[in-house]
Protein backbone atom coordinates (compact mmCIF):
# COMPACT_ATOMS: atom_id res chain seq x y z
CA MET A 1 108.34 147.30 139.71
CA LYS A 2 105.18 146.66 141.74
CA GLN A 3 103.36 145.23 138.67
CA GLU A 4 106.37 143.00 137.72
CA THR A 5 106.47 141.64 141.27
CA GLU A 6 102.69 140.87 141.26
CA GLN A 7 103.03 139.07 137.89
CA ARG A 8 106.03 136.95 139.26
CA THR A 9 104.10 136.20 142.37
CA ALA A 10 101.02 135.00 140.38
CA GLY A 11 103.17 132.39 138.69
CA GLY A 12 104.33 130.56 141.70
CA LYS A 13 107.75 129.46 142.79
CA ILE A 14 110.69 127.67 141.10
CA PHE A 15 113.09 126.14 143.54
CA VAL A 16 116.55 125.67 142.05
CA LEU A 17 118.46 123.28 144.34
CA VAL A 18 122.24 123.24 144.43
CA HIS A 19 123.96 120.40 146.23
CA GLY A 20 127.24 120.46 148.20
CA GLY A 21 130.55 118.73 147.64
CA ALA A 22 130.61 114.97 147.08
CA HIS A 23 126.84 114.93 146.58
CA GLY A 24 124.61 115.13 143.44
CA ALA A 25 121.16 116.13 142.47
CA TRP A 26 120.01 112.83 144.12
CA ALA A 27 120.46 114.45 147.48
CA PHE A 28 117.27 116.40 147.00
CA GLU A 29 115.01 113.51 146.07
CA ARG A 30 112.88 113.60 149.22
CA LEU A 31 112.69 117.35 149.44
CA SER A 32 111.85 117.76 145.78
CA ALA A 33 108.90 115.35 146.12
CA LEU A 34 107.45 117.39 149.00
CA LEU A 35 107.79 120.67 147.13
CA VAL A 36 106.37 119.39 143.88
CA GLN A 37 103.30 117.89 145.59
CA GLU A 38 102.52 121.26 146.84
CA GLY A 39 102.53 122.70 143.37
CA HIS A 40 105.96 124.14 143.08
CA HIS A 41 108.53 123.68 140.35
CA VAL A 42 111.84 122.14 141.31
CA VAL A 43 115.15 121.94 139.39
CA ALA A 44 118.06 120.01 140.68
CA ARG A 45 121.20 119.31 138.55
CA ASP A 46 124.54 117.66 139.12
CA LEU A 47 127.33 120.20 139.40
CA PRO A 48 130.33 119.60 137.13
CA GLY A 49 132.41 116.80 138.52
CA HIS A 50 129.52 115.46 140.70
CA GLY A 51 126.73 112.93 140.33
CA LEU A 52 126.65 111.41 136.93
CA SER A 53 129.61 113.58 135.88
CA ALA A 54 131.76 112.56 138.90
CA ARG A 55 135.13 110.94 138.21
CA SER A 56 136.85 109.10 141.01
CA PRO A 57 140.57 108.28 141.32
CA ARG A 58 141.45 104.68 140.15
CA SER A 59 142.62 103.84 143.62
CA TYR A 60 139.20 104.44 145.03
CA ALA A 61 137.84 101.45 143.16
CA GLU A 62 140.68 99.11 144.10
CA ARG A 63 139.70 97.21 147.33
CA PRO A 64 141.13 96.80 149.76
CA LEU A 65 142.05 100.43 149.43
CA ASP A 66 145.77 101.22 149.23
CA PRO A 67 146.11 104.29 151.68
CA ARG A 68 149.36 105.47 150.04
CA ALA A 69 147.87 105.46 146.44
CA PHE A 70 144.71 106.98 147.64
CA ALA A 71 146.48 109.80 149.45
CA THR A 72 148.66 110.74 146.43
CA GLU A 73 146.75 110.05 143.19
CA PRO A 74 145.81 113.30 141.53
CA SER A 75 142.05 113.91 141.30
CA PRO A 76 140.47 113.58 137.78
CA ILE A 77 138.27 116.52 138.63
CA ALA A 78 141.01 118.87 140.04
CA HIS A 79 140.83 121.10 136.99
CA LEU A 80 137.29 122.38 137.89
CA THR A 81 136.80 125.96 138.87
CA LEU A 82 134.27 128.06 140.68
CA ARG A 83 133.39 129.66 137.35
CA ASP A 84 132.37 126.18 136.04
CA TYR A 85 129.89 125.85 138.90
CA ARG A 86 128.63 129.42 138.54
CA ASP A 87 128.18 129.25 134.75
CA GLN A 88 126.19 126.04 134.89
CA VAL A 89 123.80 127.41 137.62
CA THR A 90 123.59 130.87 136.00
CA GLY A 91 122.63 129.13 132.74
CA THR A 92 119.96 127.20 134.36
CA VAL A 93 118.44 130.29 136.09
CA ARG A 94 118.54 132.24 132.73
CA ARG A 95 116.67 129.53 130.93
CA LEU A 96 113.98 129.26 133.69
CA ALA A 97 113.46 132.95 133.71
CA ALA A 98 113.10 133.05 129.92
CA ARG A 99 110.64 130.14 129.87
CA LEU A 100 108.62 130.90 132.98
CA PRO A 101 108.86 134.70 133.38
CA HIS A 102 106.10 135.03 135.88
CA HIS A 103 107.52 132.66 138.39
CA ARG A 104 109.76 133.52 141.40
CA ILE A 105 113.13 131.77 141.28
CA ILE A 106 114.37 130.71 144.75
CA LEU A 107 117.95 129.46 144.71
CA LEU A 108 119.03 127.10 147.49
CA GLY A 109 122.55 125.97 148.11
CA HIS A 110 123.86 123.48 150.59
CA SER A 111 127.24 123.59 152.16
CA MET A 112 129.95 124.28 149.47
CA ALA A 113 127.20 125.58 147.15
CA GLY A 114 127.04 128.69 149.28
CA LEU A 115 130.07 129.73 147.19
CA VAL A 116 128.12 129.16 143.97
CA LEU A 117 125.08 131.14 145.30
CA ASN A 118 127.29 134.10 146.08
CA GLN A 119 128.67 134.16 142.46
CA VAL A 120 125.23 133.46 140.79
CA GLY A 121 123.51 136.21 142.88
CA GLU A 122 126.32 138.62 141.83
CA ALA A 123 125.93 137.56 138.12
CA VAL A 124 122.14 137.71 137.73
CA PRO A 125 120.49 139.53 140.69
CA GLU A 126 117.60 140.61 138.51
CA LEU A 127 116.63 136.96 137.96
CA VAL A 128 116.81 135.59 141.51
CA ASP A 129 114.10 136.33 143.97
CA ARG A 130 115.66 134.75 147.00
CA LEU A 131 118.92 133.20 148.05
CA VAL A 132 118.67 130.36 150.55
CA TYR A 133 121.82 129.14 152.37
CA LEU A 134 121.45 125.76 153.88
CA SER A 135 124.25 125.49 156.42
CA ALA A 136 126.23 126.86 153.45
CA TRP A 137 129.42 128.78 152.90
CA MET A 138 128.07 132.33 152.60
CA THR A 139 131.59 133.76 152.55
CA ALA A 140 132.34 137.50 152.63
CA ASP A 141 133.44 139.54 149.63
CA GLY A 142 137.05 138.81 148.70
CA THR A 143 137.29 135.70 150.73
CA SER A 144 137.43 131.92 149.99
CA PHE A 145 136.37 128.77 151.74
CA GLY A 146 140.10 128.24 152.66
CA ASP A 147 140.25 131.66 154.38
CA TYR A 148 138.01 130.48 157.14
CA MET A 149 139.57 127.08 157.89
CA ASP A 150 141.56 128.44 160.75
CA ALA A 151 138.75 130.59 162.18
CA PRO A 152 137.94 129.92 165.86
CA GLU A 153 134.25 129.34 164.87
CA LEU A 154 135.38 126.28 162.84
CA SER A 155 137.64 124.81 165.51
CA THR A 156 134.96 122.21 166.44
CA GLY A 157 134.32 121.20 162.89
CA LEU A 158 135.04 117.56 162.12
CA ILE A 159 135.85 117.76 158.40
CA PRO A 160 139.59 117.81 158.80
CA SER A 161 139.47 114.55 160.85
CA VAL A 162 138.01 112.62 157.93
CA LEU A 163 140.21 113.85 155.07
CA LEU A 164 142.53 111.23 153.75
CA ALA A 165 144.80 113.22 151.49
CA ASP A 166 146.53 116.54 151.34
CA PRO A 167 144.48 118.76 148.94
CA ALA A 168 147.72 120.40 147.74
CA VAL A 169 148.81 116.93 146.46
CA THR A 170 145.51 115.51 145.05
CA GLY A 171 143.75 118.74 144.12
CA ALA A 172 140.70 117.64 146.04
CA LEU A 173 139.18 117.24 149.49
CA ARG A 174 139.18 113.36 149.53
CA MET A 175 137.26 110.95 151.71
CA ASP A 176 136.43 107.21 151.56
CA PHE A 177 132.74 106.81 152.07
CA ARG A 178 133.03 103.08 151.44
CA SER A 179 135.72 102.53 153.97
CA ALA A 180 135.94 99.12 155.66
CA ASP A 181 137.22 100.73 158.82
CA PRO A 182 134.25 101.01 161.23
CA ASP A 183 135.86 103.74 163.27
CA TYR A 184 136.46 105.92 160.26
CA ARG A 185 132.88 105.28 159.00
CA ALA A 186 131.58 106.34 162.32
CA ARG A 187 133.51 109.57 162.18
CA VAL A 188 132.25 110.35 158.73
CA LYS A 189 128.64 109.73 159.77
CA ALA A 190 129.18 111.84 162.91
CA THR A 191 130.55 114.62 160.75
CA PHE A 192 127.83 114.85 158.15
CA ALA A 193 124.80 112.83 159.30
CA ALA A 194 124.63 112.10 162.98
CA ASP A 195 120.83 112.24 162.89
CA VAL A 196 120.40 110.26 159.70
CA ASP A 197 118.84 106.66 159.97
CA ASP A 198 121.64 104.10 159.72
CA HIS A 199 119.98 102.34 156.78
CA ASP A 200 119.48 105.68 154.97
CA TRP A 201 123.07 106.64 155.49
CA ASP A 202 124.42 103.28 154.32
CA ALA A 203 122.43 104.03 150.97
CA VAL A 204 123.86 107.54 150.87
CA THR A 205 127.43 106.42 151.18
CA HIS A 206 127.01 104.44 147.98
CA LEU A 207 126.10 107.63 146.25
CA LEU A 208 128.63 110.01 147.66
CA THR A 209 131.86 110.48 145.55
CA PRO A 210 135.29 110.79 147.21
CA ASP A 211 136.57 113.98 145.72
CA THR A 212 135.46 117.58 145.90
CA PRO A 213 137.71 119.81 143.78
CA ALA A 214 139.96 122.08 145.84
CA GLY A 215 140.25 124.67 143.23
CA PRO A 216 136.85 126.36 143.78
CA LEU A 217 137.33 126.25 147.53
CA ALA A 218 140.51 128.44 147.16
CA GLU A 219 138.97 131.06 144.91
CA PRO A 220 137.76 134.35 146.54
CA VAL A 221 134.22 135.28 145.81
CA THR A 222 132.84 138.64 144.79
CA VAL A 223 129.67 139.96 146.46
CA THR A 224 128.75 143.63 146.20
CA PRO A 225 125.86 145.38 148.07
CA GLY A 226 124.45 146.67 144.70
CA ARG A 227 124.09 143.13 143.08
CA TRP A 228 124.15 140.09 145.43
CA GLY A 229 123.44 142.36 148.47
CA ARG A 230 120.13 143.47 147.00
CA ILE A 231 118.59 140.00 146.75
CA PRO A 232 116.47 138.90 149.83
CA ARG A 233 118.32 136.01 151.54
CA THR A 234 117.63 133.38 154.10
CA TYR A 235 120.10 131.43 156.09
CA ILE A 236 118.98 128.06 157.49
CA ILE A 237 121.12 127.22 160.46
CA CYS A 238 121.54 123.39 161.09
CA ALA A 239 121.80 123.54 164.96
CA ASP A 240 123.47 120.18 165.35
CA ASP A 241 125.91 120.51 162.42
CA ARG A 242 129.42 119.02 163.10
CA ALA A 243 130.73 119.70 159.58
CA LEU A 244 130.00 123.45 159.58
CA PRO A 245 129.52 124.44 163.25
CA PRO A 246 126.69 126.79 164.12
CA ALA A 247 129.11 129.35 165.33
CA ALA A 248 130.57 129.59 161.78
CA GLN A 249 127.16 129.73 160.17
CA TRP A 250 126.24 132.64 162.52
CA ARG A 251 129.49 134.34 161.50
CA PHE A 252 128.58 134.24 157.85
CA VAL A 253 125.25 135.80 158.70
CA LYS A 254 126.87 138.58 160.70
CA GLU A 255 129.37 139.38 158.06
CA ALA A 256 126.65 139.51 155.30
CA ASP A 257 124.48 141.80 157.40
CA ALA A 258 127.38 144.21 158.05
CA ARG A 259 128.01 144.41 154.36
CA THR A 260 124.25 144.94 153.54
CA PRO A 261 122.62 146.62 156.60
CA GLY A 262 119.55 147.57 154.65
CA ASN A 263 118.94 143.96 153.62
CA PRO A 264 119.44 141.82 156.67
CA THR A 265 119.50 138.00 156.44
CA GLU A 266 116.36 136.15 157.45
CA VAL A 267 117.47 133.36 159.79
CA ARG A 268 115.77 130.05 160.30
CA THR A 269 117.02 127.22 162.54
CA ILE A 270 116.41 123.48 162.04
CA PRO A 271 117.58 120.97 164.71
CA THR A 272 119.53 118.74 162.47
CA SER A 273 123.01 117.62 161.33
CA HIS A 274 124.50 118.82 158.04
CA SER A 275 122.08 116.60 156.08
CA PRO A 276 118.54 117.77 156.80
CA PHE A 277 117.34 116.83 153.21
CA VAL A 278 117.88 113.21 154.29
CA SER A 279 117.05 113.39 158.05
CA GLN A 280 114.22 115.98 158.22
CA PRO A 281 113.04 116.76 154.69
CA GLU A 282 109.50 117.60 155.91
CA GLN A 283 110.79 120.25 158.32
CA LEU A 284 113.05 121.68 155.55
CA ALA A 285 110.15 121.74 153.04
CA GLU A 286 107.94 123.63 155.50
CA ILE A 287 110.61 126.31 155.99
CA LEU A 288 111.06 126.77 152.26
CA MET A 289 107.26 126.87 151.57
CA GLU A 290 106.91 129.65 154.12
CA LEU A 291 109.39 131.87 152.35
C-alpha cells in the first residue's frame, strides 16, 4: 500500500471538477486555468442535461415569458436520474485511473454535485484519493436533497424564493436567469452570487440553464463507512453563501463525521457566496493545491 501511494504521489494530481445544477463545465474555466498553470491535470465535463446537453422548456425561449406556461410546461430533462450522473462521472474516473495510474484523482463537486460525489465515492473508492465538497450537498446515508429542505439550518436559504414552478408539476427546479424583472434578477444574484462582479454575473446568466432535474434530488444516497467513508474528504464552506447556508454546510460535516469517526472531514472556509469559482478562483485554487 505504501509503495502504491508513493507511485501515485509521484505522478501528480488530476482534478475532476463536477458542476452543480443549472451550470456546466464552463463554470470552472477560471479555476481550471489556475490549476493547469501549476502543472496539474484538470477534467471538467457537462453532466447529463447540463451545458451543451441542456434542453430548456419551449416557454423559456418565448419572450416576453408567459408565467403560466413557464410554471407548468414539463421539463425536457425530467427523466434524468442520479444514476445517470453517477455513471458518467464514474466512467470518467475509471478511464483516468487506467490511463494515468500514478496520478492522484481528486474529485470536487459543487452544490448539487455533492450527491454525485457521494455515489461515485461509494462506487469506486479505490480510485479516488480525495473528495472535495464545495458548498455541496454531502447528504447522509439514506437521505436525499429533499429530506433537508425543511431543516432549520436551511431556513435562511434563498433558493425557494427564486423558484418559478412546482417541481412536482414540471419535474425540475425552474428559474428564469434571463428575467426582465429587475427585482427577481436581484434576488437570483443575491442567492447565488452576491459577491460576483455585475458584468461577470451578466455573462454567467447567459450560460445558466433554467431547469435542474428534480428526480436526482429526491433519490436517497448510499454512503457506507467501508467504501465512501474510507476516502479522505475536504469540505470547503462558503461563509457568505445564501443558497446553501453555512449552518447547513456544517450539518453535513457533523453528520459525516459521526458516520466515520476514524476519518473526520477536513474543513476549509472561504469568505464567498455560492459561486467562488467566479468571484474568488485564486483563493479556491490555493485551497485545492494545498490538499
